[in-house]
């Protein structure tokens, strides 16, 4: 799990994408989010979009971002019975699937926002 932030704000105020990669199937979920979301709102979004479709995960790998180290998120994960594995600082390779997916997403977004010039 990780976030792509710093995106232009949508009409509904979303300005980031929460990237969630299933390590087993390699399937990816891109969830619209706001940088103003708190851990409680992310927990609701997680249940609505991930748990509803796939059930409760056995474990979650995430960086040590603000959201994932909060007391609320830790309580939420504990209540689900899910093991939270936080990556070590400066070692993004431990969450390589998310990092690679984010790089691909950023490349795709960049390609769709570049001006198209067709030679005449």
PDB file of N, CA and C in Angstrom:
ATOM      1  N   UNK A   1       0.830  -1.178   0.000  1.00  0.00           N
ATOM      2  CA  UNK A   1       0.000   0.000   0.000  1.00  0.00           C
ATOM      3  C   UNK A   1       0.870   1.236   0.000  1.00  0.00           C
ATOM      4  N   UNK A   2       0.488   2.182  -0.796  1.00  0.00           N
ATOM      5  CA  UNK A   2       1.187   3.457  -0.804  1.00  0.00           C
ATOM      6  C   UNK A   2       0.286   4.484  -1.483  1.00  0.00           C
ATOM      7  N   UNK A   3       0.719   5.724  -1.471  1.00  0.00           N
ATOM      8  CA  UNK A   3      -0.057   6.809  -2.060  1.00  0.00           C
ATOM      9  C   UNK A   3       0.719   7.502  -3.165  1.00  0.00           C
ATOM     10  N   UNK A   4      -0.023   7.953  -4.172  1.00  0.00           N
ATOM     11  CA  UNK A   4       0.497   8.889  -5.160  1.00  0.00           C
ATOM     12  C   UNK A   4      -0.207  10.194  -4.832  1.00  0.00           C
ATOM     13  N   UNK A   5       0.558  11.199  -4.459  1.00  0.00           N
ATOM     14  CA  UNK A   5      -0.058  12.475  -4.073  1.00  0.00           C
ATOM     15  C   UNK A   5       0.519  13.599  -4.918  1.00  0.00           C
ATOM     16  N   UNK A   6       0.005  14.789  -4.691  1.00  0.00           N
ATOM     17  CA  UNK A   6       0.454  15.939  -5.468  1.00  0.00           C
ATOM     18  C   UNK A   6      -0.193  16.007  -6.836  1.00  0.00           C
ATOM     19  N   UNK A   7      -1.321  15.341  -6.990  1.00  0.00           N
ATOM     20  CA  UNK A   7      -2.031  15.346  -8.269  1.00  0.00           C
ATOM     21  C   UNK A   7      -2.967  16.546  -8.333  1.00  0.00           C
ATOM     22  N   UNK A   8      -3.339  16.963  -9.540  1.00  0.00           N
ATOM     23  CA  UNK A   8      -4.325  18.041  -9.645  1.00  0.00           C
ATOM     24  C   UNK A   8      -5.640  17.608  -8.996  1.00  0.00           C
ATOM     25  N   UNK A   9      -6.287  18.520  -8.321  1.00  0.00           N
ATOM     26  CA  UNK A   9      -7.528  18.230  -7.599  1.00  0.00           C
ATOM     27  C   UNK A   9      -8.676  18.020  -8.593  1.00  0.00           C
ATOM     28  N   UNK A  10      -9.476  16.972  -8.364  1.00  0.00           N
ATOM     29  CA  UNK A  10     -10.643  16.717  -9.204  1.00  0.00           C
ATOM     30  C   UNK A  10     -11.800  17.602  -8.751  1.00  0.00           C
ATOM     31  N   UNK A  11     -12.904  17.563  -9.488  1.00  0.00           N
ATOM     32  CA  UNK A  11     -14.079  18.351  -9.108  1.00  0.00           C
ATOM     33  C   UNK A  11     -14.609  17.954  -7.738  1.00  0.00           C
ATOM     34  N   UNK A  12     -14.400  16.721  -7.354  1.00  0.00           N
ATOM     35  CA  UNK A  12     -14.871  16.246  -6.045  1.00  0.00           C
ATOM     36  C   UNK A  12     -13.809  16.390  -4.962  1.00  0.00           C
ATOM     37  N   UNK A  13     -12.700  17.008  -5.311  1.00  0.00           N
ATOM     38  CA  UNK A  13     -11.681  17.302  -4.307  1.00  0.00           C
ATOM     39  C   UNK A  13     -10.624  16.237  -4.101  1.00  0.00           C
ATOM     40  N   UNK A  14     -10.649  15.163  -4.879  1.00  0.00           N
ATOM     41  CA  UNK A  14      -9.625  14.128  -4.742  1.00  0.00           C
ATOM     42  C   UNK A  14      -8.303  14.638  -5.320  1.00  0.00           C
ATOM     43  N   UNK A  15      -7.225  14.411  -4.595  1.00  0.00           N
ATOM     44  CA  UNK A  15      -5.918  14.875  -5.065  1.00  0.00           C
ATOM     45  C   UNK A  15      -4.818  13.837  -4.857  1.00  0.00           C
ATOM     46  N   UNK A  16      -5.223  12.607  -4.581  1.00  0.00           N
ATOM     47  CA  UNK A  16      -4.242  11.538  -4.446  1.00  0.00           C
ATOM     48  C   UNK A  16      -4.890  10.207  -4.805  1.00  0.00           C
ATOM     49  N   UNK A  17      -4.042   9.213  -5.033  1.00  0.00           N
ATOM     50  CA  UNK A  17      -4.507   7.868  -5.357  1.00  0.00           C
ATOM     51  C   UNK A  17      -3.866   6.908  -4.368  1.00  0.00           C
ATOM     52  N   UNK A  18      -4.693   6.092  -3.743  1.00  0.00           N
ATOM     53  CA  UNK A  18      -4.213   5.066  -2.819  1.00  0.00           C
ATOM     54  C   UNK A  18      -4.022   3.803  -3.644  1.00  0.00           C
ATOM     55  N   UNK A  19      -2.795   3.324  -3.737  1.00  0.00           N
ATOM     56  CA  UNK A  19      -2.461   2.153  -4.535  1.00  0.00           C
ATOM     57  C   UNK A  19      -2.362   0.945  -3.605  1.00  0.00           C
ATOM     58  N   UNK A  20      -3.179  -0.062  -3.882  1.00  0.00           N
ATOM     59  CA  UNK A  20      -3.183  -1.284  -3.079  1.00  0.00           C
ATOM     60  C   UNK A  20      -2.940  -2.459  -4.018  1.00  0.00           C
ATOM     61  N   UNK A  21      -1.852  -3.195  -3.778  1.00  0.00           N
ATOM     62  CA  UNK A  21      -1.466  -4.324  -4.619  1.00  0.00           C
ATOM     63  C   UNK A  21      -1.654  -5.621  -3.841  1.00  0.00           C
ATOM     64  N   UNK A  22      -2.349  -6.578  -4.450  1.00  0.00           N
ATOM     65  CA  UNK A  22      -2.465  -7.913  -3.867  1.00  0.00           C
ATOM     66  C   UNK A  22      -1.186  -8.664  -4.221  1.00  0.00           C
ATOM     67  N   UNK A  23      -0.412  -9.023  -3.216  1.00  0.00           N
ATOM     68  CA  UNK A  23       0.887  -9.651  -3.458  1.00  0.00           C
ATOM     69  C   UNK A  23       0.763 -11.032  -4.095  1.00  0.00           C
ATOM     70  N   UNK A  24      -0.345 -11.724  -3.871  1.00  0.00           N
ATOM     71  CA  UNK A  24      -0.512 -13.061  -4.430  1.00  0.00           C
ATOM     72  C   UNK A  24      -0.901 -13.013  -5.905  1.00  0.00           C
ATOM     73  N   UNK A  25      -1.966 -12.278  -6.215  1.00  0.00           N
ATOM     74  CA  UNK A  25      -2.490 -12.257  -7.583  1.00  0.00           C
ATOM     75  C   UNK A  25      -1.910 -11.141  -8.433  1.00  0.00           C
ATOM     76  N   UNK A  26      -1.215 -10.205  -7.806  1.00  0.00           N
ATOM     77  CA  UNK A  26      -0.651  -9.023  -8.472  1.00  0.00           C
ATOM     78  C   UNK A  26      -1.735  -8.076  -8.977  1.00  0.00           C
ATOM     79  N   UNK A  27      -2.983  -8.282  -8.553  1.00  0.00           N
ATOM     80  CA  UNK A  27      -4.041  -7.353  -8.949  1.00  0.00           C
ATOM     81  C   UNK A  27      -3.871  -6.054  -8.164  1.00  0.00           C
ATOM     82  N   UNK A  28      -4.316  -4.967  -8.778  1.00  0.00           N
ATOM     83  CA  UNK A  28      -4.101  -3.642  -8.205  1.00  0.00           C
ATOM     84  C   UNK A  28      -5.431  -2.907  -8.096  1.00  0.00           C
ATOM     85  N   UNK A  29      -5.574  -2.165  -7.012  1.00  0.00           N
ATOM     86  CA  UNK A  29      -6.717  -1.270  -6.839  1.00  0.00           C
ATOM     87  C   UNK A  29      -6.174   0.145  -6.728  1.00  0.00           C
ATOM     88  N   UNK A  30      -6.766   1.046  -7.495  1.00  0.00           N
ATOM     89  CA  UNK A  30      -6.434   2.465  -7.419  1.00  0.00           C
ATOM     90  C   UNK A  30      -7.647   3.164  -6.817  1.00  0.00           C
ATOM     91  N   UNK A  31      -7.505   3.644  -5.599  1.00  0.00           N
ATOM     92  CA  UNK A  31      -8.625   4.282  -4.909  1.00  0.00           C
ATOM     93  C   UNK A  31      -8.408   5.785  -4.835  1.00  0.00           C
ATOM     94  N   UNK A  32      -9.404   6.542  -5.276  1.00  0.00           N
ATOM     95  CA  UNK A  32      -9.320   7.993  -5.174  1.00  0.00           C
ATOM     96  C   UNK A  32      -9.343   8.401  -3.710  1.00  0.00           C
ATOM     97  N   UNK A  33      -8.476   9.317  -3.353  1.00  0.00           N
ATOM     98  CA  UNK A  33      -8.397   9.772  -1.963  1.00  0.00           C
ATOM     99  C   UNK A  33      -8.105  11.265  -1.943  1.00  0.00           C
ATOM    100  N   UNK A  34      -8.161  11.805  -0.756  1.00  0.00           N
ATOM    101  CA  UNK A  34      -7.818  13.208  -0.537  1.00  0.00           C
ATOM    102  C   UNK A  34      -6.689  13.254   0.481  1.00  0.00           C
ATOM    103  N   UNK A  35      -5.787  14.196   0.312  1.00  0.00           N
ATOM    104  CA  UNK A  35      -4.692  14.302   1.275  1.00  0.00           C
ATOM    105  C   UNK A  35      -5.207  14.696   2.650  1.00  0.00           C
ATOM    106  N   UNK A  36      -6.436  15.167   2.715  1.00  0.00           N
ATOM    107  CA  UNK A  36      -7.023  15.553   4.004  1.00  0.00           C
ATOM    108  C   UNK A  36      -7.688  14.379   4.722  1.00  0.00           C
ATOM    109  N   UNK A  37      -7.757  13.216   4.077  1.00  0.00           N
ATOM    110  CA  UNK A  37      -8.362  12.048   4.723  1.00  0.00           C
ATOM    111  C   UNK A  37      -7.580  11.686   5.972  1.00  0.00           C
ATOM    112  N   UNK A  38      -8.306  11.303   7.001  1.00  0.00           N
ATOM    113  CA  UNK A  38      -7.682  10.772   8.206  1.00  0.00           C
ATOM    114  C   UNK A  38      -7.653   9.252   8.136  1.00  0.00           C
ATOM    115  N   UNK A  39      -6.998   8.636   9.095  1.00  0.00           N
ATOM    116  CA  UNK A  39      -6.900   7.179   9.118  1.00  0.00           C
ATOM    117  C   UNK A  39      -8.282   6.531   9.199  1.00  0.00           C
ATOM    118  N   UNK A  40      -9.235   7.183   9.873  1.00  0.00           N
ATOM    119  CA  UNK A  40     -10.582   6.622   9.974  1.00  0.00           C
ATOM    120  C   UNK A  40     -11.278   6.589   8.620  1.00  0.00           C
ATOM    121  N   UNK A  41     -11.089   7.634   7.813  1.00  0.00           N
ATOM    122  CA  UNK A  41     -11.692   7.658   6.484  1.00  0.00           C
ATOM    123  C   UNK A  41     -11.034   6.627   5.569  1.00  0.00           C
ATOM    124  N   UNK A  42      -9.721   6.439   5.728  1.00  0.00           N
ATOM    125  CA  UNK A  42      -9.036   5.418   4.936  1.00  0.00           C
ATOM    126  C   UNK A  42      -9.510   4.025   5.333  1.00  0.00           C
ATOM    127  N   UNK A  43      -9.743   3.812   6.609  1.00  0.00           N
ATOM    128  CA  UNK A  43     -10.240   2.514   7.072  1.00  0.00           C
ATOM    129  C   UNK A  43     -11.611   2.226   6.462  1.00  0.00           C
ATOM    130  N   UNK A  44     -12.487   3.229   6.427  1.00  0.00           N
ATOM    131  CA  UNK A  44     -13.811   3.058   5.819  1.00  0.00           C
ATOM    132  C   UNK A  44     -13.685   2.741   4.332  1.00  0.00           C
ATOM    133  N   UNK A  45     -12.799   3.456   3.650  1.00  0.00           N
ATOM    134  CA  UNK A  45     -12.573   3.226   2.227  1.00  0.00           C
ATOM    135  C   UNK A  45     -12.014   1.823   1.992  1.00  0.00           C
ATOM    136  N   UNK A  46     -11.108   1.390   2.859  1.00  0.00           N
ATOM    137  CA  UNK A  46     -10.509   0.058   2.758  1.00  0.00           C
ATOM    138  C   UNK A  46     -11.582  -1.027   2.879  1.00  0.00           C
ATOM    139  N   UNK A  47     -12.474  -0.881   3.838  1.00  0.00           N
ATOM    140  CA  UNK A  47     -13.550  -1.866   4.007  1.00  0.00           C
ATOM    141  C   UNK A  47     -14.494  -1.836   2.810  1.00  0.00           C
ATOM    142  N   UNK A  48     -14.865  -0.639   2.376  1.00  0.00           N
ATOM    143  CA  UNK A  48     -15.814  -0.481   1.271  1.00  0.00           C
ATOM    144  C   UNK A  48     -15.276  -1.047  -0.043  1.00  0.00           C
ATOM    145  N   UNK A  49     -13.992  -0.827  -0.319  1.00  0.00           N
ATOM    146  CA  UNK A  49     -13.444  -1.189  -1.626  1.00  0.00           C
ATOM    147  C   UNK A  49     -12.606  -2.467  -1.646  1.00  0.00           C
ATOM    148  N   UNK A  50     -11.966  -2.821  -0.559  1.00  0.00           N
ATOM    149  CA  UNK A  50     -11.071  -3.980  -0.565  1.00  0.00           C
ATOM    150  C   UNK A  50     -11.683  -5.168   0.175  1.00  0.00           C
ATOM    151  N   UNK A  51     -12.046  -4.964   1.431  1.00  0.00           N
ATOM    152  CA  UNK A  51     -12.598  -6.068   2.224  1.00  0.00           C
ATOM    153  C   UNK A  51     -13.899  -6.570   1.602  1.00  0.00           C
ATOM    154  N   UNK A  52     -14.705  -5.671   1.090  1.00  0.00           N
ATOM    155  CA  UNK A  52     -15.977  -6.053   0.453  1.00  0.00           C
ATOM    156  C   UNK A  52     -15.744  -7.012  -0.718  1.00  0.00           C
ATOM    157  N   UNK A  53     -14.692  -6.779  -1.489  1.00  0.00           N
ATOM    158  CA  UNK A  53     -14.423  -7.593  -2.673  1.00  0.00           C
ATOM    159  C   UNK A  53     -13.591  -8.837  -2.385  1.00  0.00           C
ATOM    160  N   UNK A  54     -12.640  -8.724  -1.465  1.00  0.00           N
ATOM    161  CA  UNK A  54     -11.654  -9.791  -1.283  1.00  0.00           C
ATOM    162  C   UNK A  54     -11.638 -10.419   0.100  1.00  0.00           C
ATOM    163  N   UNK A  55     -12.372  -9.862   1.032  1.00  0.00           N
ATOM    164  CA  UNK A  55     -12.323 -10.351   2.400  1.00  0.00           C
ATOM    165  C   UNK A  55     -11.182  -9.686   3.159  1.00  0.00           C
ATOM    166  N   UNK A  56     -11.021 -10.075   4.405  1.00  0.00           N
ATOM    167  CA  UNK A  56      -9.997  -9.478   5.264  1.00  0.00           C
ATOM    168  C   UNK A  56      -8.636 -10.065   4.898  1.00  0.00           C
ATOM    169  N   UNK A  57      -7.646  -9.221   4.612  1.00  0.00           N
ATOM    170  CA  UNK A  57      -6.319  -9.742   4.264  1.00  0.00           C
ATOM    171  C   UNK A  57      -5.615 -10.327   5.486  1.00  0.00           C
ATOM    172  N   UNK A  58      -4.775 -11.339   5.247  1.00  0.00           N
ATOM    173  CA  UNK A  58      -3.998 -11.939   6.338  1.00  0.00           C
ATOM    174  C   UNK A  58      -2.905 -10.986   6.795  1.00  0.00           C
ATOM    175  N   UNK A  59      -2.327 -10.257   5.828  1.00  0.00           N
ATOM    176  CA  UNK A  59      -1.274  -9.299   6.181  1.00  0.00           C
ATOM    177  C   UNK A  59      -1.284  -8.133   5.211  1.00  0.00           C
ATOM    178  N   UNK A  60      -0.710  -7.026   5.652  1.00  0.00           N
ATOM    179  CA  UNK A  60      -0.592  -5.812   4.851  1.00  0.00           C
ATOM    180  C   UNK A  60       0.853  -5.349   4.937  1.00  0.00           C
ATOM    181  N   UNK A  61       1.445  -5.044   3.779  1.00  0.00           N
ATOM    182  CA  UNK A  61       2.785  -4.462   3.738  1.00  0.00           C
ATOM    183  C   UNK A  61       2.627  -3.005   3.348  1.00  0.00           C
ATOM    184  N   UNK A  62       3.229  -2.126   4.122  1.00  0.00           N
ATOM    185  CA  UNK A  62       3.119  -0.697   3.857  1.00  0.00           C
ATOM    186  C   UNK A  62       4.375   0.018   4.310  1.00  0.00           C
ATOM    187  N   UNK A  63       4.544   1.232   3.780  1.00  0.00           N
ATOM    188  CA  UNK A  63       5.663   2.043   4.253  1.00  0.00           C
ATOM    189  C   UNK A  63       5.301   2.626   5.614  1.00  0.00           C
ATOM    190  N   UNK A  64       6.176   3.385   6.154  1.00  0.00           N
ATOM    191  CA  UNK A  64       5.956   3.959   7.482  1.00  0.00           C
ATOM    192  C   UNK A  64       5.322   5.346   7.395  1.00  0.00           C
ATOM    193  N   UNK A  65       4.426   5.507   6.427  1.00  0.00           N
ATOM    194  CA  UNK A  65       3.744   6.778   6.264  1.00  0.00           C
ATOM    195  C   UNK A  65       2.863   7.114   7.454  1.00  0.00           C
ATOM    196  N   UNK A  66       2.521   8.372   7.545  1.00  0.00           N
ATOM    197  CA  UNK A  66       1.716   8.906   8.645  1.00  0.00           C
ATOM    198  C   UNK A  66       0.467   8.074   8.914  1.00  0.00           C
ATOM    199  N   UNK A  67      -0.266   7.745   7.851  1.00  0.00           N
ATOM    200  CA  UNK A  67      -1.531   7.035   8.026  1.00  0.00           C
ATOM    201  C   UNK A  67      -1.331   5.659   8.645  1.00  0.00           C
ATOM    202  N   UNK A  68      -0.301   4.961   8.189  1.00  0.00           N
ATOM    203  CA  UNK A  68      -0.137   3.562   8.563  1.00  0.00           C
ATOM    204  C   UNK A  68       0.575   3.370   9.892  1.00  0.00           C
ATOM    205  N   UNK A  69       1.066   4.437  10.477  1.00  0.00           N
ATOM    206  CA  UNK A  69       1.680   4.329  11.803  1.00  0.00           C
ATOM    207  C   UNK A  69       0.793   4.946  12.881  1.00  0.00           C
ATOM    208  N   UNK A  70      -0.376   5.433  12.493  1.00  0.00           N
ATOM    209  CA  UNK A  70      -1.270   6.063  13.474  1.00  0.00           C
ATOM    210  C   UNK A  70      -1.884   5.015  14.399  1.00  0.00           C
ATOM    211  N   UNK A  71      -2.246   5.450  15.580  1.00  0.00           N
ATOM    212  CA  UNK A  71      -2.872   4.548  16.557  1.00  0.00           C
ATOM    213  C   UNK A  71      -4.195   4.010  16.012  1.00  0.00           C
ATOM    214  N   UNK A  72      -4.940   4.875  15.320  1.00  0.00           N
ATOM    215  CA  UNK A  72      -6.233   4.443  14.787  1.00  0.00           C
ATOM    216  C   UNK A  72      -6.035   3.302  13.795  1.00  0.00           C
ATOM    217  N   UNK A  73      -5.108   3.467  12.849  1.00  0.00           N
ATOM    218  CA  UNK A  73      -4.885   2.439  11.828  1.00  0.00           C
ATOM    219  C   UNK A  73      -4.419   1.136  12.481  1.00  0.00           C
ATOM    220  N   UNK A  74      -3.526   1.239  13.460  1.00  0.00           N
ATOM    221  CA  UNK A  74      -3.057   0.038  14.158  1.00  0.00           C
ATOM    222  C   UNK A  74      -4.208  -0.659  14.876  1.00  0.00           C
ATOM    223  N   UNK A  75      -5.093   0.109  15.492  1.00  0.00           N
ATOM    224  CA  UNK A  75      -6.266  -0.474  16.155  1.00  0.00           C
ATOM    225  C   UNK A  75      -7.190  -1.136  15.140  1.00  0.00           C
ATOM    226  N   UNK A  76      -7.374  -0.480  14.003  1.00  0.00           N
ATOM    227  CA  UNK A  76      -8.219  -1.003  12.932  1.00  0.00           C
ATOM    228  C   UNK A  76      -7.674  -2.336  12.425  1.00  0.00           C
ATOM    229  N   UNK A  77      -6.390  -2.383  12.139  1.00  0.00           N
ATOM    230  CA  UNK A  77      -5.768  -3.603  11.619  1.00  0.00           C
ATOM    231  C   UNK A  77      -5.840  -4.721  12.660  1.00  0.00           C
ATOM    232  N   UNK A  78      -5.606  -4.377  13.914  1.00  0.00           N
ATOM    233  CA  UNK A  78      -5.692  -5.368  14.991  1.00  0.00           C
ATOM    234  C   UNK A  78      -7.111  -5.925  15.101  1.00  0.00           C
ATOM    235  N   UNK A  79      -8.106  -5.051  14.993  1.00  0.00           N
ATOM    236  CA  UNK A  79      -9.503  -5.489  15.068  1.00  0.00           C
ATOM    237  C   UNK A  79      -9.857  -6.431  13.914  1.00  0.00           C
ATOM    238  N   UNK A  80      -9.249  -6.204  12.751  1.00  0.00           N
ATOM    239  CA  UNK A  80      -9.482  -7.085  11.608  1.00  0.00           C
ATOM    240  C   UNK A  80      -8.779  -8.428  11.775  1.00  0.00           C
ATOM    241  N   UNK A  81      -7.764  -8.460  12.630  1.00  0.00           N
ATOM    242  CA  UNK A  81      -6.963  -9.672  12.775  1.00  0.00           C
ATOM    243  C   UNK A  81      -5.907  -9.788  11.698  1.00  0.00           C
ATOM    244  N   UNK A  82      -5.529  -8.660  11.128  1.00  0.00           N
ATOM    245  CA  UNK A  82      -4.548  -8.603  10.053  1.00  0.00           C
ATOM    246  C   UNK A  82      -3.190  -8.222  10.611  1.00  0.00           C
ATOM    247  N   UNK A  83      -2.141  -8.827  10.069  1.00  0.00           N
ATOM    248  CA  UNK A  83      -0.781  -8.497  10.493  1.00  0.00           C
ATOM    249  C   UNK A  83      -0.280  -7.327   9.648  1.00  0.00           C
ATOM    250  N   UNK A  84       0.204  -6.282  10.305  1.00  0.00           N
ATOM    251  CA  UNK A  84       0.727  -5.108   9.614  1.00  0.00           C
ATOM    252  C   UNK A  84       2.244  -5.190   9.579  1.00  0.00           C
ATOM    253  N   UNK A  85       2.807  -5.251   8.375  1.00  0.00           N
ATOM    254  CA  UNK A  85       4.254  -5.286   8.185  1.00  0.00           C
ATOM    255  C   UNK A  85       4.691  -3.950   7.601  1.00  0.00           C
ATOM    256  N   UNK A  86       5.414  -3.171   8.373  1.00  0.00           N
ATOM    257  CA  UNK A  86       5.907  -1.885   7.896  1.00  0.00           C
ATOM    258  C   UNK A  86       7.302  -2.067   7.325  1.00  0.00           C
ATOM    259  N   UNK A  87       7.532  -1.476   6.152  1.00  0.00           N
ATOM    260  CA  UNK A  87       8.852  -1.570   5.540  1.00  0.00           C
ATOM    261  C   UNK A  87       9.844  -0.751   6.352  1.00  0.00           C
ATOM    262  N   UNK A  88      11.102  -1.114   6.251  1.00  0.00           N
ATOM    263  CA  UNK A  88      12.124  -0.360   6.964  1.00  0.00           C
ATOM    264  C   UNK A  88      12.472   0.888   6.176  1.00  0.00           C
ATOM    265  N   UNK A  89      12.893   1.910   6.874  1.00  0.00           N
ATOM    266  CA  UNK A  89      13.225   3.187   6.238  1.00  0.00           C
ATOM    267  C   UNK A  89      14.320   2.997   5.201  1.00  0.00           C
ATOM    268  N   UNK A  90      14.188   3.684   4.091  1.00  0.00           N
ATOM    269  CA  UNK A  90      15.168   3.696   3.007  1.00  0.00           C
ATOM    270  C   UNK A  90      15.339   2.333   2.343  1.00  0.00           C
ATOM    271  N   UNK A  91      14.345   1.452   2.475  1.00  0.00           N
ATOM    272  CA  UNK A  91      14.397   0.153   1.808  1.00  0.00           C
ATOM    273  C   UNK A  91      13.076  -0.115   1.094  1.00  0.00           C
ATOM    274  N   UNK A  92      12.785   0.664   0.042  1.00  0.00           N
ATOM    275  CA  UNK A  92      11.513   0.477  -0.653  1.00  0.00           C
ATOM    276  C   UNK A  92      11.418  -0.870  -1.360  1.00  0.00           C
ATOM    277  N   UNK A  93      12.552  -1.576  -1.520  1.00  0.00           N
ATOM    278  CA  UNK A  93      12.498  -2.859  -2.206  1.00  0.00           C
ATOM    279  C   UNK A  93      11.648  -3.880  -1.463  1.00  0.00           C
ATOM    280  N   UNK A  94      11.431  -3.664  -0.172  1.00  0.00           N
ATOM    281  CA  UNK A  94      10.594  -4.593   0.581  1.00  0.00           C
ATOM    282  C   UNK A  94       9.129  -4.469   0.178  1.00  0.00           C
ATOM    283  N   UNK A  95       8.766  -3.407  -0.504  1.00  0.00           N
ATOM    284  CA  UNK A  95       7.418  -3.234  -1.033  1.00  0.00           C
ATOM    285  C   UNK A  95       7.533  -2.940  -2.529  1.00  0.00           C
ATOM    286  N   UNK A  96       8.336  -3.727  -3.206  1.00  0.00           N
ATOM    287  CA  UNK A  96       8.684  -3.494  -4.613  1.00  0.00           C
ATOM    288  C   UNK A  96       7.470  -3.487  -5.536  1.00  0.00           C
ATOM    289  N   UNK A  97       6.500  -4.353  -5.284  1.00  0.00           N
ATOM    290  CA  UNK A  97       5.332  -4.404  -6.169  1.00  0.00           C
ATOM    291  C   UNK A  97       4.586  -3.079  -6.178  1.00  0.00           C
ATOM    292  N   UNK A  98       4.385  -2.506  -5.020  1.00  0.00           N
ATOM    293  CA  UNK A  98       3.695  -1.216  -4.954  1.00  0.00           C
ATOM    294  C   UNK A  98       4.510  -0.133  -5.627  1.00  0.00           C
ATOM    295  N   UNK A  99       5.806  -0.115  -5.370  1.00  0.00           N
ATOM    296  CA  UNK A  99       6.659   0.921  -5.956  1.00  0.00           C
ATOM    297  C   UNK A  99       6.665   0.832  -7.480  1.00  0.00           C
ATOM    298  N   UNK A 100       6.738  -0.377  -8.029  1.00  0.00           N
ATOM    299  CA  UNK A 100       6.741  -0.558  -9.481  1.00  0.00           C
ATOM    300  C   UNK A 100       5.383  -0.163 -10.068  1.00  0.00           C
ATOM    301  N   UNK A 101       4.317  -0.525  -9.399  1.00  0.00           N
ATOM    302  CA  UNK A 101       2.976  -0.165  -9.859  1.00  0.00           C
ATOM    303  C   UNK A 101       2.797   1.347  -9.864  1.00  0.00           C
ATOM    304  N   UNK A 102       3.286   2.003  -8.829  1.00  0.00           N
ATOM    305  CA  UNK A 102       3.189   3.462  -8.756  1.00  0.00           C
ATOM    306  C   UNK A 102       3.979   4.104  -9.883  1.00  0.00           C
ATOM    307  N   UNK A 103       5.162   3.581 -10.184  1.00  0.00           N
ATOM    308  CA  UNK A 103       5.965   4.126 -11.285  1.00  0.00           C
ATOM    309  C   UNK A 103       5.212   3.993 -12.607  1.00  0.00           C
ATOM    310  N   UNK A 104       4.584   2.843 -12.831  1.00  0.00           N
ATOM    311  CA  UNK A 104       3.806   2.632 -14.051  1.00  0.00           C
ATOM    312  C   UNK A 104       2.616   3.588 -14.105  1.00  0.00           C
ATOM    313  N   UNK A 105       1.913   3.749 -12.990  1.00  0.00           N
ATOM    314  CA  UNK A 105       0.782   4.677 -12.928  1.00  0.00           C
ATOM    315  C   UNK A 105       1.228   6.097 -13.246  1.00  0.00           C
ATOM    316  N   UNK A 106       2.330   6.532 -12.660  1.00  0.00           N
ATOM    317  CA  UNK A 106       2.835   7.883 -12.918  1.00  0.00           C
ATOM    318  C   UNK A 106       3.206   8.055 -14.385  1.00  0.00           C
ATOM    319  N   UNK A 107       3.810   7.034 -14.996  1.00  0.00           N
ATOM    320  CA  UNK A 107       4.144   7.095 -16.421  1.00  0.00           C
ATOM    321  C   UNK A 107       2.879   7.221 -17.273  1.00  0.00           C
ATOM    322  N   UNK A 108       1.843   6.459 -16.917  1.00  0.00           N
ATOM    323  CA  UNK A 108       0.591   6.517 -17.669  1.00  0.00           C
ATOM    324  C   UNK A 108      -0.080   7.880 -17.521  1.00  0.00           C
ATOM    325  N   UNK A 109      -0.107   8.415 -16.308  1.00  0.00           N
ATOM    326  CA  UNK A 109      -0.707   9.733 -16.092  1.00  0.00           C
ATOM    327  C   UNK A 109       0.056  10.808 -16.855  1.00  0.00           C
ATOM    328  N   UNK A 110       1.369  10.708 -16.841  1.00  0.00           N
ATOM    329  CA  UNK A 110       2.203  11.673 -17.554  1.00  0.00           C
ATOM    330  C   UNK A 110       1.918  11.606 -19.054  1.00  0.00           C
ATOM    331  N   UNK A 111       1.798  10.393 -19.593  1.00  0.00           N
ATOM    332  CA  UNK A 111       1.545  10.224 -21.025  1.00  0.00           C
ATOM    333  C   UNK A 111       0.190  10.807 -21.424  1.00  0.00           C
ATOM    334  N   UNK A 112      -0.785  10.721 -20.544  1.00  0.00           N
ATOM    335  CA  UNK A 112      -2.126  11.226 -20.862  1.00  0.00           C
ATOM    336  C   UNK A 112      -2.264  12.726 -20.661  1.00  0.00           C
ATOM    337  N   UNK A 113      -1.302  13.343 -20.021  1.00  0.00           N
ATOM    338  CA  UNK A 113      -1.404  14.782 -19.797  1.00  0.00           C
ATOM    339  C   UNK A 113      -0.476  15.584 -20.690  1.00  0.00           C
ATOM    340  N   UNK A 114       0.401  14.898 -21.417  1.00  0.00           N
ATOM    341  CA  UNK A 114       1.289  15.610 -22.332  1.00  0.00           C
ATOM    342  C   UNK A 114       0.499  16.075 -23.548  1.00  0.00           C
ATOM    343  N   UNK A 115       0.841  17.243 -24.077  1.00  0.00           N
ATOM    344  CA  UNK A 115       0.149  17.694 -25.286  1.00  0.00           C
ATOM    345  C   UNK A 115       0.483  16.769 -26.455  1.00  0.00           C
ATOM    346  N   UNK A 116      -0.508  16.490 -27.247  1.00  0.00           N
ATOM    347  CA  UNK A 116      -0.326  15.608 -28.393  1.00  0.00           C
ATOM    348  C   UNK A 116      -0.018  16.450 -29.621  1.00  0.00           C
ATOM    349  N   UNK A 117       1.126  16.198 -30.227  1.00  0.00           N
ATOM    350  CA  UNK A 117       1.466  16.933 -31.454  1.00  0.00           C
ATOM    351  C   UNK A 117       1.633  15.923 -32.579  1.00  0.00           C
ATOM    352  N   UNK A 118       0.792  16.067 -33.579  1.00  0.00           N
ATOM    353  CA  UNK A 118       0.832  15.169 -34.731  1.00  0.00           C
ATOM    354  C   UNK A 118       1.444  15.939 -35.888  1.00  0.00           C
ATOM    355  N   UNK A 119       2.543  15.391 -36.445  1.00  0.00           N
ATOM    356  CA  UNK A 119       3.175  16.090 -37.572  1.00  0.00           C
ATOM    357  C   UNK A 119       2.237  16.147 -38.779  1.00  0.00           C
ATOM    358  N   UNK A 120       2.240  17.285 -39.478  1.00  0.00           N
ATOM    359  CA  UNK A 120       1.365  17.410 -40.643  1.00  0.00           C
ATOM    360  C   UNK A 120       2.111  17.192 -41.914  1.00  0.00           C
TER     361      UNK A 120
END
